[in-house]
N, C-alpha and C. Protein backbone atom coordinates (compact mmCIF):
# COMPACT_ATOMS: atom_id res chain seq x y z
N MET A 1 -17.48 -3.38 11.64
CA MET A 1 -16.06 -3.50 11.35
C MET A 1 -15.80 -4.91 10.82
N THR A 2 -14.97 -4.99 9.77
CA THR A 2 -14.69 -6.28 9.14
C THR A 2 -13.77 -7.13 10.00
N GLN A 3 -13.74 -8.42 9.68
CA GLN A 3 -12.83 -9.33 10.38
C GLN A 3 -11.38 -8.88 10.16
N GLU A 4 -11.06 -8.46 8.93
CA GLU A 4 -9.71 -7.98 8.66
C GLU A 4 -9.37 -6.77 9.53
N ALA A 5 -10.34 -5.88 9.71
CA ALA A 5 -10.11 -4.69 10.53
C ALA A 5 -9.82 -5.06 11.98
N HIS A 6 -10.54 -6.03 12.50
CA HIS A 6 -10.26 -6.50 13.87
C HIS A 6 -8.86 -7.10 13.95
N ARG A 7 -8.49 -7.85 12.94
CA ARG A 7 -7.15 -8.45 12.94
C ARG A 7 -6.07 -7.37 12.82
N ARG A 8 -6.34 -6.34 12.01
CA ARG A 8 -5.39 -5.23 11.89
C ARG A 8 -5.19 -4.54 13.24
N ALA A 9 -6.30 -4.27 13.93
CA ALA A 9 -6.21 -3.60 15.23
C ALA A 9 -5.43 -4.45 16.23
N ALA A 10 -5.68 -5.74 16.25
CA ALA A 10 -4.96 -6.62 17.17
C ALA A 10 -3.47 -6.63 16.86
N LEU A 11 -3.12 -6.65 15.59
CA LEU A 11 -1.71 -6.63 15.21
C LEU A 11 -1.06 -5.31 15.60
N VAL A 12 -1.73 -4.21 15.35
CA VAL A 12 -1.17 -2.90 15.72
C VAL A 12 -0.91 -2.85 17.22
N PHE A 13 -1.85 -3.34 18.00
CA PHE A 13 -1.63 -3.33 19.45
C PHE A 13 -0.38 -4.11 19.81
N THR A 14 -0.23 -5.29 19.26
CA THR A 14 0.94 -6.12 19.55
C THR A 14 2.23 -5.41 19.16
N LEU A 15 2.24 -4.75 18.01
CA LEU A 15 3.43 -4.05 17.55
C LEU A 15 3.73 -2.83 18.41
N PHE A 16 2.69 -2.12 18.80
CA PHE A 16 2.88 -0.93 19.63
C PHE A 16 3.31 -1.29 21.05
N ASP A 17 3.02 -2.49 21.49
CA ASP A 17 3.46 -2.92 22.82
C ASP A 17 4.94 -3.29 22.74
N ALA A 18 5.76 -2.30 22.48
CA ALA A 18 7.19 -2.51 22.20
C ALA A 18 7.95 -3.11 23.37
N ASN A 19 7.51 -2.84 24.59
CA ASN A 19 8.21 -3.41 25.75
C ASN A 19 7.61 -4.74 26.18
N GLY A 20 6.56 -5.19 25.50
CA GLY A 20 6.00 -6.51 25.72
C GLY A 20 5.31 -6.74 27.05
N ASN A 21 4.84 -5.68 27.70
CA ASN A 21 4.21 -5.87 29.01
C ASN A 21 2.70 -6.08 28.95
N GLY A 22 2.13 -6.19 27.75
CA GLY A 22 0.72 -6.51 27.60
C GLY A 22 -0.23 -5.32 27.59
N VAL A 23 0.30 -4.13 27.81
CA VAL A 23 -0.49 -2.90 27.74
C VAL A 23 0.33 -1.87 26.97
N LEU A 24 -0.34 -0.82 26.51
CA LEU A 24 0.38 0.28 25.88
C LEU A 24 0.65 1.36 26.93
N ASP A 25 1.89 1.85 26.92
CA ASP A 25 2.27 2.92 27.82
C ASP A 25 3.24 3.84 27.10
N ALA A 26 3.59 4.93 27.73
CA ALA A 26 4.46 5.93 27.10
C ALA A 26 5.79 5.33 26.68
N GLU A 27 6.33 4.40 27.45
CA GLU A 27 7.61 3.77 27.11
C GLU A 27 7.54 3.06 25.77
N ASP A 28 6.41 2.44 25.46
CA ASP A 28 6.26 1.75 24.18
C ASP A 28 6.49 2.70 23.01
N PHE A 29 5.94 3.88 23.10
CA PHE A 29 6.05 4.83 22.00
C PHE A 29 7.45 5.42 21.90
N ASP A 30 8.13 5.54 23.03
CA ASP A 30 9.53 5.96 23.01
C ASP A 30 10.40 4.88 22.35
N LEU A 31 10.17 3.63 22.71
CA LEU A 31 10.93 2.52 22.12
C LEU A 31 10.66 2.40 20.62
N LEU A 32 9.41 2.51 20.24
CA LEU A 32 9.05 2.42 18.83
C LEU A 32 9.69 3.56 18.04
N THR A 33 9.63 4.75 18.58
CA THR A 33 10.27 5.90 17.93
C THR A 33 11.76 5.65 17.75
N ASP A 34 12.43 5.19 18.78
CA ASP A 34 13.87 4.93 18.71
C ASP A 34 14.20 3.89 17.65
N ARG A 35 13.39 2.82 17.58
CA ARG A 35 13.66 1.76 16.59
C ARG A 35 13.50 2.28 15.17
N ILE A 36 12.47 3.06 14.92
CA ILE A 36 12.24 3.59 13.58
C ILE A 36 13.34 4.58 13.22
N LEU A 37 13.66 5.49 14.13
CA LEU A 37 14.67 6.50 13.83
C LEU A 37 16.06 5.90 13.65
N ALA A 38 16.34 4.76 14.26
CA ALA A 38 17.63 4.09 14.06
C ALA A 38 17.79 3.67 12.60
N VAL A 39 16.69 3.28 11.98
CA VAL A 39 16.71 2.90 10.56
C VAL A 39 16.83 4.14 9.67
N ALA A 40 16.25 5.22 10.12
CA ALA A 40 16.17 6.44 9.32
C ALA A 40 17.18 7.50 9.77
N ASP A 41 18.37 7.05 10.15
CA ASP A 41 19.37 7.98 10.67
C ASP A 41 19.88 8.95 9.62
N ASP A 42 19.65 8.67 8.35
CA ASP A 42 20.07 9.57 7.27
C ASP A 42 18.94 10.46 6.76
N SER A 43 17.79 10.39 7.38
CA SER A 43 16.67 11.24 6.97
C SER A 43 16.87 12.66 7.48
N PRO A 44 16.31 13.63 6.77
CA PRO A 44 16.41 15.01 7.22
C PRO A 44 15.80 15.19 8.62
N GLU A 45 16.39 16.07 9.40
CA GLU A 45 15.91 16.30 10.77
C GLU A 45 14.43 16.66 10.83
N PRO A 46 13.92 17.51 9.94
CA PRO A 46 12.48 17.80 10.02
C PRO A 46 11.61 16.54 9.88
N ASP A 47 12.02 15.61 9.03
CA ASP A 47 11.27 14.36 8.87
C ASP A 47 11.37 13.50 10.13
N ARG A 48 12.55 13.47 10.73
CA ARG A 48 12.73 12.69 11.97
C ARG A 48 11.88 13.29 13.09
N HIS A 49 11.86 14.61 13.16
CA HIS A 49 11.03 15.28 14.18
C HIS A 49 9.55 15.03 13.94
N ALA A 50 9.15 15.02 12.67
CA ALA A 50 7.74 14.76 12.35
C ALA A 50 7.32 13.37 12.82
N LEU A 51 8.20 12.39 12.65
CA LEU A 51 7.89 11.03 13.13
C LEU A 51 7.79 11.02 14.65
N THR A 52 8.75 11.63 15.30
CA THR A 52 8.72 11.70 16.77
C THR A 52 7.45 12.38 17.25
N ASP A 53 7.11 13.50 16.65
CA ASP A 53 5.90 14.23 17.04
C ASP A 53 4.65 13.41 16.77
N SER A 54 4.62 12.69 15.64
CA SER A 54 3.42 11.92 15.31
C SER A 54 3.21 10.77 16.30
N LEU A 55 4.28 10.12 16.71
CA LEU A 55 4.13 9.03 17.68
C LEU A 55 3.83 9.56 19.08
N ARG A 56 4.39 10.71 19.42
CA ARG A 56 4.05 11.32 20.71
C ARG A 56 2.57 11.68 20.72
N ARG A 57 2.10 12.26 19.63
CA ARG A 57 0.69 12.62 19.53
C ARG A 57 -0.19 11.38 19.54
N TYR A 58 0.25 10.33 18.88
CA TYR A 58 -0.48 9.06 18.86
C TYR A 58 -0.73 8.62 20.30
N TRP A 59 0.32 8.62 21.12
CA TRP A 59 0.19 8.20 22.51
C TRP A 59 -0.74 9.14 23.27
N GLU A 60 -0.58 10.43 23.09
CA GLU A 60 -1.42 11.40 23.80
C GLU A 60 -2.90 11.21 23.46
N VAL A 61 -3.20 10.97 22.20
CA VAL A 61 -4.59 10.76 21.79
C VAL A 61 -5.12 9.47 22.39
N LEU A 62 -4.34 8.41 22.32
CA LEU A 62 -4.78 7.14 22.92
C LEU A 62 -5.06 7.32 24.41
N LEU A 63 -4.14 7.93 25.10
CA LEU A 63 -4.29 8.11 26.55
C LEU A 63 -5.50 8.98 26.86
N GLY A 64 -5.64 10.07 26.14
CA GLY A 64 -6.76 10.98 26.39
C GLY A 64 -8.11 10.39 26.07
N GLU A 65 -8.17 9.58 25.04
CA GLU A 65 -9.44 9.01 24.60
C GLU A 65 -9.83 7.74 25.33
N LEU A 66 -8.84 6.95 25.74
CA LEU A 66 -9.14 5.58 26.18
C LEU A 66 -8.87 5.26 27.64
N ASP A 67 -8.08 6.05 28.31
CA ASP A 67 -7.69 5.69 29.68
C ASP A 67 -8.78 6.11 30.67
N ALA A 68 -9.90 5.40 30.63
CA ALA A 68 -11.06 5.74 31.45
C ALA A 68 -10.77 5.63 32.94
N ASN A 69 -9.93 4.70 33.35
CA ASN A 69 -9.66 4.52 34.78
C ASN A 69 -8.45 5.32 35.27
N GLY A 70 -7.80 6.05 34.38
CA GLY A 70 -6.71 6.92 34.77
C GLY A 70 -5.44 6.21 35.22
N ASP A 71 -5.25 4.96 34.77
CA ASP A 71 -4.06 4.22 35.21
C ASP A 71 -2.83 4.47 34.34
N GLY A 72 -2.97 5.28 33.30
CA GLY A 72 -1.82 5.63 32.47
C GLY A 72 -1.40 4.57 31.47
N VAL A 73 -2.22 3.55 31.28
CA VAL A 73 -1.94 2.50 30.29
C VAL A 73 -3.22 2.20 29.52
N ILE A 74 -3.03 1.60 28.34
CA ILE A 74 -4.16 1.21 27.49
C ILE A 74 -4.14 -0.31 27.34
N SER A 75 -5.23 -0.95 27.72
CA SER A 75 -5.35 -2.40 27.60
C SER A 75 -5.76 -2.77 26.18
N PRO A 76 -5.61 -4.04 25.81
CA PRO A 76 -6.07 -4.47 24.49
C PRO A 76 -7.57 -4.20 24.28
N GLU A 77 -8.37 -4.37 25.30
CA GLU A 77 -9.81 -4.14 25.19
C GLU A 77 -10.11 -2.66 24.94
N GLU A 78 -9.40 -1.79 25.64
CA GLU A 78 -9.60 -0.35 25.44
C GLU A 78 -9.18 0.06 24.02
N PHE A 79 -8.15 -0.56 23.51
CA PHE A 79 -7.57 -0.19 22.23
C PHE A 79 -8.43 -0.61 21.05
N GLN A 80 -9.04 -1.77 21.11
CA GLN A 80 -9.70 -2.40 19.97
C GLN A 80 -10.69 -1.49 19.25
N GLY A 81 -11.55 -0.83 19.95
CA GLY A 81 -12.57 -0.03 19.30
C GLY A 81 -12.09 1.32 18.81
N PHE A 82 -10.91 1.73 19.24
CA PHE A 82 -10.44 3.07 18.94
C PHE A 82 -9.59 3.16 17.69
N VAL A 83 -8.64 2.28 17.57
CA VAL A 83 -7.61 2.45 16.55
C VAL A 83 -8.18 2.51 15.13
N LEU A 84 -9.29 1.87 14.91
CA LEU A 84 -9.89 1.88 13.58
C LEU A 84 -11.16 2.72 13.55
N ASN A 85 -11.19 3.77 14.33
CA ASN A 85 -12.33 4.68 14.35
C ASN A 85 -11.91 6.00 13.71
N PRO A 86 -12.24 6.21 12.44
CA PRO A 86 -11.78 7.41 11.73
C PRO A 86 -12.17 8.72 12.40
N GLU A 87 -13.34 8.77 13.02
CA GLU A 87 -13.77 10.01 13.67
C GLU A 87 -12.86 10.36 14.84
N ARG A 88 -12.43 9.37 15.57
CA ARG A 88 -11.60 9.60 16.76
C ARG A 88 -10.12 9.58 16.43
N PHE A 89 -9.75 8.89 15.38
CA PHE A 89 -8.34 8.59 15.19
C PHE A 89 -7.78 8.96 13.83
N GLY A 90 -8.61 9.35 12.89
CA GLY A 90 -8.18 9.57 11.51
C GLY A 90 -7.03 10.54 11.36
N ALA A 91 -7.10 11.69 12.01
CA ALA A 91 -6.05 12.70 11.87
C ALA A 91 -4.73 12.20 12.46
N THR A 92 -4.80 11.47 13.55
CA THR A 92 -3.59 10.93 14.18
C THR A 92 -2.94 9.90 13.28
N ALA A 93 -3.73 9.00 12.72
CA ALA A 93 -3.19 7.98 11.82
C ALA A 93 -2.62 8.62 10.56
N SER A 94 -3.27 9.66 10.07
CA SER A 94 -2.80 10.32 8.86
C SER A 94 -1.45 11.01 9.09
N ALA A 95 -1.29 11.66 10.22
CA ALA A 95 0.00 12.31 10.54
C ALA A 95 1.11 11.27 10.64
N PHE A 96 0.82 10.14 11.27
CA PHE A 96 1.80 9.06 11.37
C PHE A 96 2.13 8.52 9.98
N ALA A 97 1.11 8.32 9.15
CA ALA A 97 1.32 7.80 7.79
C ALA A 97 2.26 8.71 7.00
N ASP A 98 1.99 10.00 7.04
CA ASP A 98 2.83 10.95 6.31
C ASP A 98 4.26 10.96 6.84
N ALA A 99 4.41 10.93 8.16
CA ALA A 99 5.74 10.98 8.77
C ALA A 99 6.54 9.73 8.46
N LEU A 100 5.93 8.57 8.58
CA LEU A 100 6.64 7.32 8.31
C LEU A 100 7.03 7.24 6.83
N ALA A 101 6.10 7.58 5.95
CA ALA A 101 6.40 7.54 4.52
C ALA A 101 7.54 8.48 4.16
N ALA A 102 7.58 9.65 4.77
CA ALA A 102 8.66 10.61 4.49
C ALA A 102 10.02 10.04 4.88
N LEU A 103 10.07 9.27 5.95
CA LEU A 103 11.34 8.66 6.36
C LEU A 103 11.84 7.65 5.33
N GLY A 104 10.94 7.14 4.52
CA GLY A 104 11.33 6.21 3.48
C GLY A 104 12.02 6.88 2.30
N ASP A 105 12.02 8.19 2.28
CA ASP A 105 12.54 8.95 1.14
C ASP A 105 13.59 9.97 1.59
N PRO A 106 14.73 9.51 2.09
CA PRO A 106 15.71 10.46 2.62
C PRO A 106 16.30 11.40 1.57
N ASP A 107 16.28 10.99 0.29
CA ASP A 107 16.86 11.85 -0.74
C ASP A 107 15.84 12.81 -1.35
N GLY A 108 14.58 12.69 -0.93
CA GLY A 108 13.55 13.63 -1.35
C GLY A 108 13.09 13.52 -2.79
N ASP A 109 13.30 12.36 -3.43
CA ASP A 109 12.88 12.21 -4.82
C ASP A 109 11.44 11.72 -4.97
N GLY A 110 10.75 11.53 -3.84
CA GLY A 110 9.36 11.09 -3.89
C GLY A 110 9.20 9.59 -4.01
N LEU A 111 10.32 8.84 -3.94
CA LEU A 111 10.29 7.38 -4.11
C LEU A 111 10.92 6.68 -2.90
N ILE A 112 10.38 5.52 -2.59
CA ILE A 112 10.90 4.69 -1.50
C ILE A 112 11.40 3.39 -2.11
N GLU A 113 12.68 3.10 -1.90
CA GLU A 113 13.28 1.87 -2.41
C GLU A 113 12.91 0.70 -1.49
N ARG A 114 12.85 -0.49 -2.06
CA ARG A 114 12.47 -1.69 -1.31
C ARG A 114 13.29 -1.89 -0.02
N PRO A 115 14.62 -1.81 -0.06
CA PRO A 115 15.36 -2.06 1.19
C PRO A 115 14.97 -1.11 2.32
N ARG A 116 14.76 0.15 1.97
CA ARG A 116 14.40 1.13 3.00
C ARG A 116 13.01 0.82 3.55
N PHE A 117 12.07 0.51 2.67
CA PHE A 117 10.71 0.17 3.10
C PHE A 117 10.73 -1.03 4.04
N LEU A 118 11.45 -2.08 3.64
CA LEU A 118 11.52 -3.28 4.47
C LEU A 118 12.15 -2.97 5.82
N ALA A 119 13.19 -2.17 5.83
CA ALA A 119 13.86 -1.82 7.09
C ALA A 119 12.92 -1.04 8.01
N LEU A 120 12.21 -0.07 7.47
CA LEU A 120 11.28 0.70 8.30
C LEU A 120 10.17 -0.17 8.86
N MET A 121 9.57 -0.98 8.02
CA MET A 121 8.44 -1.79 8.46
C MET A 121 8.86 -2.87 9.47
N THR A 122 10.03 -3.46 9.25
CA THR A 122 10.49 -4.47 10.22
C THR A 122 10.93 -3.80 11.52
N SER A 123 11.36 -2.54 11.47
CA SER A 123 11.70 -1.85 12.72
C SER A 123 10.46 -1.64 13.58
N ILE A 124 9.31 -1.54 12.95
CA ILE A 124 8.05 -1.43 13.69
C ILE A 124 7.69 -2.78 14.29
N GLY A 125 8.10 -3.85 13.63
CA GLY A 125 7.82 -5.18 14.13
C GLY A 125 7.07 -6.07 13.17
N PHE A 126 6.73 -5.55 11.99
CA PHE A 126 6.07 -6.39 11.00
C PHE A 126 7.04 -7.46 10.51
N GLU A 127 6.53 -8.61 10.19
CA GLU A 127 7.34 -9.71 9.69
C GLU A 127 7.86 -9.39 8.29
N ARG A 128 9.11 -9.75 8.04
CA ARG A 128 9.74 -9.43 6.75
C ARG A 128 8.99 -10.01 5.55
N PRO A 129 8.56 -11.29 5.57
CA PRO A 129 7.83 -11.80 4.40
C PRO A 129 6.53 -11.03 4.14
N ASN A 130 5.82 -10.66 5.20
CA ASN A 130 4.58 -9.91 5.04
C ASN A 130 4.87 -8.51 4.48
N THR A 131 5.95 -7.92 4.96
CA THR A 131 6.34 -6.59 4.50
C THR A 131 6.73 -6.63 3.02
N ALA A 132 7.45 -7.66 2.63
CA ALA A 132 7.82 -7.82 1.21
C ALA A 132 6.58 -8.01 0.34
N ALA A 133 5.62 -8.78 0.83
CA ALA A 133 4.37 -8.98 0.09
C ALA A 133 3.61 -7.67 -0.03
N LEU A 134 3.62 -6.86 1.01
CA LEU A 134 2.97 -5.55 0.95
C LEU A 134 3.63 -4.67 -0.10
N PHE A 135 4.95 -4.61 -0.09
CA PHE A 135 5.66 -3.80 -1.07
C PHE A 135 5.29 -4.23 -2.48
N ASP A 136 5.27 -5.53 -2.72
CA ASP A 136 4.88 -6.04 -4.04
C ASP A 136 3.45 -5.65 -4.40
N ALA A 137 2.55 -5.69 -3.41
CA ALA A 137 1.16 -5.33 -3.65
C ALA A 137 1.00 -3.86 -4.00
N PHE A 138 1.93 -3.04 -3.59
CA PHE A 138 1.91 -1.61 -3.93
C PHE A 138 2.32 -1.36 -5.38
N GLY A 139 2.81 -2.39 -6.08
CA GLY A 139 3.15 -2.25 -7.50
C GLY A 139 4.39 -1.41 -7.74
N PRO A 140 5.53 -1.85 -7.27
CA PRO A 140 6.76 -1.07 -7.47
C PRO A 140 7.08 -0.88 -8.95
N ASP A 141 7.82 0.20 -9.23
CA ASP A 141 8.22 0.50 -10.60
C ASP A 141 9.40 -0.39 -11.00
N ALA A 142 9.92 -0.20 -12.21
CA ALA A 142 11.01 -1.02 -12.73
C ALA A 142 12.28 -0.90 -11.88
N GLY A 143 12.42 0.20 -11.14
CA GLY A 143 13.56 0.40 -10.25
C GLY A 143 13.32 -0.14 -8.85
N ASP A 144 12.23 -0.90 -8.65
CA ASP A 144 11.85 -1.49 -7.38
C ASP A 144 11.61 -0.42 -6.31
N ARG A 145 10.79 0.57 -6.70
CA ARG A 145 10.45 1.68 -5.82
C ARG A 145 8.95 1.94 -5.86
N ILE A 146 8.45 2.47 -4.76
CA ILE A 146 7.07 2.93 -4.69
C ILE A 146 7.10 4.42 -4.35
N THR A 147 5.99 5.09 -4.60
CA THR A 147 5.96 6.51 -4.27
C THR A 147 5.68 6.70 -2.78
N VAL A 148 6.11 7.83 -2.28
CA VAL A 148 5.82 8.21 -0.89
C VAL A 148 4.31 8.27 -0.69
N THR A 149 3.60 8.80 -1.68
CA THR A 149 2.14 8.90 -1.60
C THR A 149 1.49 7.52 -1.51
N THR A 150 1.97 6.57 -2.30
CA THR A 150 1.43 5.21 -2.24
C THR A 150 1.60 4.63 -0.85
N CYS A 151 2.76 4.82 -0.27
CA CYS A 151 3.04 4.31 1.07
C CYS A 151 2.11 4.96 2.10
N ALA A 152 2.04 6.28 2.10
CA ALA A 152 1.20 6.98 3.07
C ALA A 152 -0.27 6.61 2.91
N ASP A 153 -0.74 6.54 1.67
CA ASP A 153 -2.14 6.15 1.44
C ASP A 153 -2.40 4.72 1.90
N GLY A 154 -1.41 3.84 1.72
CA GLY A 154 -1.56 2.46 2.18
C GLY A 154 -1.68 2.37 3.69
N ILE A 155 -0.93 3.20 4.40
CA ILE A 155 -1.02 3.23 5.86
C ILE A 155 -2.41 3.74 6.28
N ARG A 156 -2.86 4.79 5.63
CA ARG A 156 -4.20 5.31 5.96
C ARG A 156 -5.27 4.25 5.70
N ASP A 157 -5.16 3.54 4.59
CA ASP A 157 -6.12 2.47 4.29
C ASP A 157 -6.12 1.41 5.38
N TYR A 158 -4.95 1.11 5.91
CA TYR A 158 -4.82 0.08 6.96
C TYR A 158 -5.67 0.45 8.17
N TYR A 159 -5.79 1.73 8.45
CA TYR A 159 -6.56 2.20 9.60
C TYR A 159 -8.01 2.50 9.26
N SER A 160 -8.47 2.09 8.10
CA SER A 160 -9.86 2.32 7.68
C SER A 160 -10.64 1.03 7.83
N PRO A 161 -11.54 0.96 8.82
CA PRO A 161 -12.22 -0.31 9.12
C PRO A 161 -13.13 -0.81 8.01
N GLU A 162 -13.58 0.08 7.15
CA GLU A 162 -14.49 -0.34 6.09
C GLU A 162 -13.77 -0.95 4.89
N LYS A 163 -12.45 -0.81 4.85
CA LYS A 163 -11.69 -1.29 3.69
C LYS A 163 -11.37 -2.78 3.84
N THR A 164 -11.55 -3.49 2.74
CA THR A 164 -11.21 -4.92 2.71
C THR A 164 -10.38 -5.18 1.46
N GLY A 165 -9.61 -6.23 1.50
CA GLY A 165 -8.81 -6.60 0.34
C GLY A 165 -7.76 -5.56 -0.02
N ILE A 166 -7.27 -4.85 0.97
CA ILE A 166 -6.28 -3.80 0.74
C ILE A 166 -4.87 -4.38 0.79
N PRO A 167 -3.91 -3.70 0.17
CA PRO A 167 -2.53 -4.19 0.26
C PRO A 167 -2.07 -4.42 1.70
N GLY A 168 -2.47 -3.54 2.60
CA GLY A 168 -2.05 -3.66 4.00
C GLY A 168 -2.45 -4.97 4.66
N ASP A 169 -3.45 -5.65 4.13
CA ASP A 169 -3.83 -6.93 4.71
C ASP A 169 -2.74 -7.99 4.55
N HIS A 170 -1.76 -7.73 3.68
CA HIS A 170 -0.62 -8.63 3.56
C HIS A 170 0.21 -8.64 4.85
N LEU A 171 0.05 -7.62 5.68
CA LEU A 171 0.81 -7.54 6.93
C LEU A 171 0.24 -8.47 8.00
N LEU A 172 -0.98 -8.93 7.81
CA LEU A 172 -1.62 -9.78 8.81
C LEU A 172 -1.00 -11.17 8.81
N PRO A 173 -0.82 -11.73 10.00
CA PRO A 173 -0.32 -13.11 10.05
C PRO A 173 -1.25 -14.04 9.28
N THR A 174 -0.69 -15.08 8.71
CA THR A 174 -1.50 -15.99 7.91
C THR A 174 -2.44 -16.81 8.77
N SER A 175 -2.11 -17.05 10.01
CA SER A 175 -3.04 -17.78 10.89
C SER A 175 -3.91 -16.76 11.62
N ALA A 176 -5.21 -16.98 11.57
CA ALA A 176 -6.17 -16.03 12.13
C ALA A 176 -6.26 -16.12 13.62
């Protein structure tokens, strides 16, 4: 796994620890879902449900795969090797990618405008400058929009440990 992949995993853990207690638990995923859906209050209900279901499934997979001691929480050490393991996690990450990207397109035209993208990503906890750099790296069109497919594929790439130099690396803090 690349150094960037390790940094991506560490950042994801920090963002998913929405209640800040140092471990991942079911409350974190409820809080994260609520924050994202607050931004996407104008999205179609099926898209909102898909996001809720994807994050619920994310938690269930993490708990089922990683909670070896049965304490109902996932530590940073337990999380590190899993989140970027396509065999164990690829389908879960892909469902989340599709659901989040769909929330970026409430009008169903297949495009995500910059303000909506920034709002969704910052609701997850990514820093605004990093999120803006990511949007730029996706190559927006003249109307300052990216496709839903570009967004979803970018999220999937973020969870691919073998990928380096990807747009998603703009989300990483500048200090290692």
